[in-house]
Structures are given as structure tokens and as C-alpha cells.
C-alpha atoms as a PDB file:
ATOM      1  CA  MET A   1      -9.314-126.099  39.461  1.00  0.00           C
ATOM      2  CA  SER A   2      -8.223-124.523  42.711  1.00  0.00           C
ATOM      3  CA  SER A   3      -5.172-125.630  44.614  1.00  0.00           C
ATOM      4  CA  LEU A   4      -3.531-124.953  47.964  1.00  0.00           C
ATOM      5  CA  ARG A   5       0.138-124.434  48.735  1.00  0.00           C
ATOM      6  CA  ILE A   6       1.057-126.844  51.501  1.00  0.00           C
ATOM      7  CA  ALA A   7       4.863-126.959  51.515  1.00  0.00           C
ATOM      8  CA  HIS A   8       7.855-124.829  50.596  1.00  0.00           C
ATOM      9  CA  THR A   9      11.569-125.448  50.255  1.00  0.00           C
ATOM     10  CA  TYR A  10      14.574-123.673  48.809  1.00  0.00           C
ATOM     11  CA  ASP A  11      16.145-127.004  47.821  1.00  0.00           C
ATOM     12  CA  ILE A  12      15.113-128.669  44.561  1.00  0.00           C
ATOM     13  CA  GLY A  13      16.109-132.085  45.921  1.00  0.00           C
ATOM     14  CA  SER A  14      13.680-131.826  48.836  1.00  0.00           C
ATOM     15  CA  PHE A  15      11.032-130.521  46.466  1.00  0.00           C
ATOM     16  CA  ALA A  16      11.486-133.499  44.130  1.00  0.00           C
ATOM     17  CA  ALA A  17      11.407-135.960  47.054  1.00  0.00           C
ATOM     18  CA  MET A  18       8.154-134.508  48.420  1.00  0.00           C
ATOM     19  CA  LYS A  19       6.501-134.486  45.013  1.00  0.00           C
ATOM     20  CA  ALA A  20       7.572-138.079  44.279  1.00  0.00           C
ATOM     21  CA  LEU A  21       6.467-139.305  47.716  1.00  0.00           C
ATOM     22  CA  LEU A  22       3.035-137.747  47.377  1.00  0.00           C
ATOM     23  CA  GLY A  23       2.689-139.115  43.847  1.00  0.00           C
ATOM     24  CA  SER A  24       3.576-142.618  45.033  1.00  0.00           C
ATOM     25  CA  ARG A  25       0.734-142.390  47.561  1.00  0.00           C
ATOM     26  CA  GLY A  26      -1.811-141.292  44.963  1.00  0.00           C
ATOM     27  CA  VAL A  27      -1.784-137.569  45.751  1.00  0.00           C
ATOM     28  CA  THR A  28      -1.366-135.366  42.707  1.00  0.00           C
ATOM     29  CA  ALA A  29       1.104-132.646  43.628  1.00  0.00           C
ATOM     30  CA  LEU A  30       1.049-129.595  41.437  1.00  0.00           C
ATOM     31  CA  ASP A  31       4.437-127.952  41.431  1.00  0.00           C
ATOM     32  CA  LEU A  32       5.028-124.238  41.464  1.00  0.00           C
ATOM     33  CA  ALA A  33       8.495-122.804  41.256  1.00  0.00           C
ATOM     34  CA  ILE A  34       8.947-119.203  42.283  1.00  0.00           C
ATOM     35  CA  GLY A  35      12.249-117.486  41.632  1.00  0.00           C
ATOM     36  CA  GLY A  36      11.939-113.811  42.414  1.00  0.00           C
ATOM     37  CA  HIS A  37      14.936-111.518  42.232  1.00  0.00           C
ATOM     38  CA  LEU A  38      16.797-111.040  45.512  1.00  0.00           C
ATOM     39  CA  ALA A  39      16.530-107.269  45.180  1.00  0.00           C
ATOM     40  CA  ILE A  40      12.734-107.436  45.387  1.00  0.00           C
ATOM     41  CA  ALA A  41      11.726-107.109  49.013  1.00  0.00           C
ATOM     42  CA  GLY A  42       9.323-109.788  50.179  1.00  0.00           C
ATOM     43  CA  ALA A  43       9.609-111.960  47.090  1.00  0.00           C
ATOM     44  CA  ASP A  44       8.662-115.618  47.509  1.00  0.00           C
ATOM     45  CA  GLN A  45      11.560-117.745  46.370  1.00  0.00           C
ATOM     46  CA  GLY A  46      12.030-121.448  46.148  1.00  0.00           C
ATOM     47  CA  TYR A  47       9.689-124.323  45.369  1.00  0.00           C
ATOM     48  CA  PHE A  48       6.124-124.854  46.495  1.00  0.00           C
ATOM     49  CA  ILE A  49       4.075-128.047  46.580  1.00  0.00           C
ATOM     50  CA  GLU A  50       0.409-127.502  45.798  1.00  0.00           C
ATOM     51  CA  VAL A  51      -2.443-129.978  46.051  1.00  0.00           C
ATOM     52  CA  VAL A  52      -6.166-129.849  45.429  1.00  0.00           C
ATOM     53  CA  PRO A  53      -8.145-128.915  48.557  1.00  0.00           C
ATOM     54  CA  ASP A  54      -9.565-132.433  48.984  1.00  0.00           C
ATOM     55  CA  ASP A  55      -6.027-133.866  49.293  1.00  0.00           C
ATOM     56  CA  ARG A  56      -4.633-131.264  51.716  1.00  0.00           C
ATOM     57  CA  LEU A  57      -5.037-133.149  54.998  1.00  0.00           C
ATOM     58  CA  ARG A  58      -3.823-136.452  53.597  1.00  0.00           C
ATOM     59  CA  ALA A  59      -0.826-134.865  51.860  1.00  0.00           C
ATOM     60  CA  CYS A  60       0.208-133.016  55.027  1.00  0.00           C
ATOM     61  CA  GLN A  61      -0.016-136.228  57.054  1.00  0.00           C
ATOM     62  CA  ILE A  62       2.081-138.128  54.505  1.00  0.00           C
ATOM     63  CA  LEU A  63       4.794-135.477  54.685  1.00  0.00           C
ATOM     64  CA  ARG A  64       4.724-135.452  58.508  1.00  0.00           C
ATOM     65  CA  ASP A  65       4.907-139.256  58.660  1.00  0.00           C
ATOM     66  CA  ASN A  66       8.030-139.180  56.488  1.00  0.00           C
ATOM     67  CA  ASP A  67       9.950-136.530  58.454  1.00  0.00           C
ATOM     68  CA  LEU A  68       9.170-133.807  55.922  1.00  0.00           C
ATOM     69  CA  GLY A  69       6.840-131.834  58.166  1.00  0.00           C
ATOM     70  CA  LYS A  70       9.408-129.052  58.553  1.00  0.00           C
ATOM     71  CA  TYR A  71       8.575-127.976  54.995  1.00  0.00           C
ATOM     72  CA  LEU A  72       4.866-127.596  55.635  1.00  0.00           C
ATOM     73  CA  LEU A  73       3.361-124.146  55.573  1.00  0.00           C
ATOM     74  CA  ASP A  74       0.813-123.107  58.207  1.00  0.00           C
ATOM     75  CA  THR A  75      -1.568-125.981  57.541  1.00  0.00           C
END
């Protein structure tokens, strides 16, 4: 099953809120935590929300409608 990263945050609280919100609206959010070492240049760090491609547009709209659009990646 393929998935798309739609949102990123460095804060686990925001991550949990986004995942719970999407879940409450019937969107399955696959979580991906990345914690690279600070010494590694260009490492992705923080928490990503991933969804299946069919849910991407709906999930992005749900996050925007709930003032969480600032966490969206280039979608």
C-alpha cells in the first residue's frame, strides 16, 4: 500500500491532535516518526502524517478547516 506524507511537525502534541482529528473524520492516518541525529546534515526530524493517496485531498482540507494548515507539506 502506498502512502503520501501530507503534514509535518516537530511537536508530538500537534502530531497526536492531527492524527486524532483525521481519525475522527474517517481518514486513516499512518504515522511516521523520524528522529535523525542533529549532526547529520539534511536529516528529516520530527513527526509526519501519512495518508493513502485517495484520502490526500480530504485530509488536507480537514487540517486546513481546523487551523492546522500550517503543518501541511507542499500539497
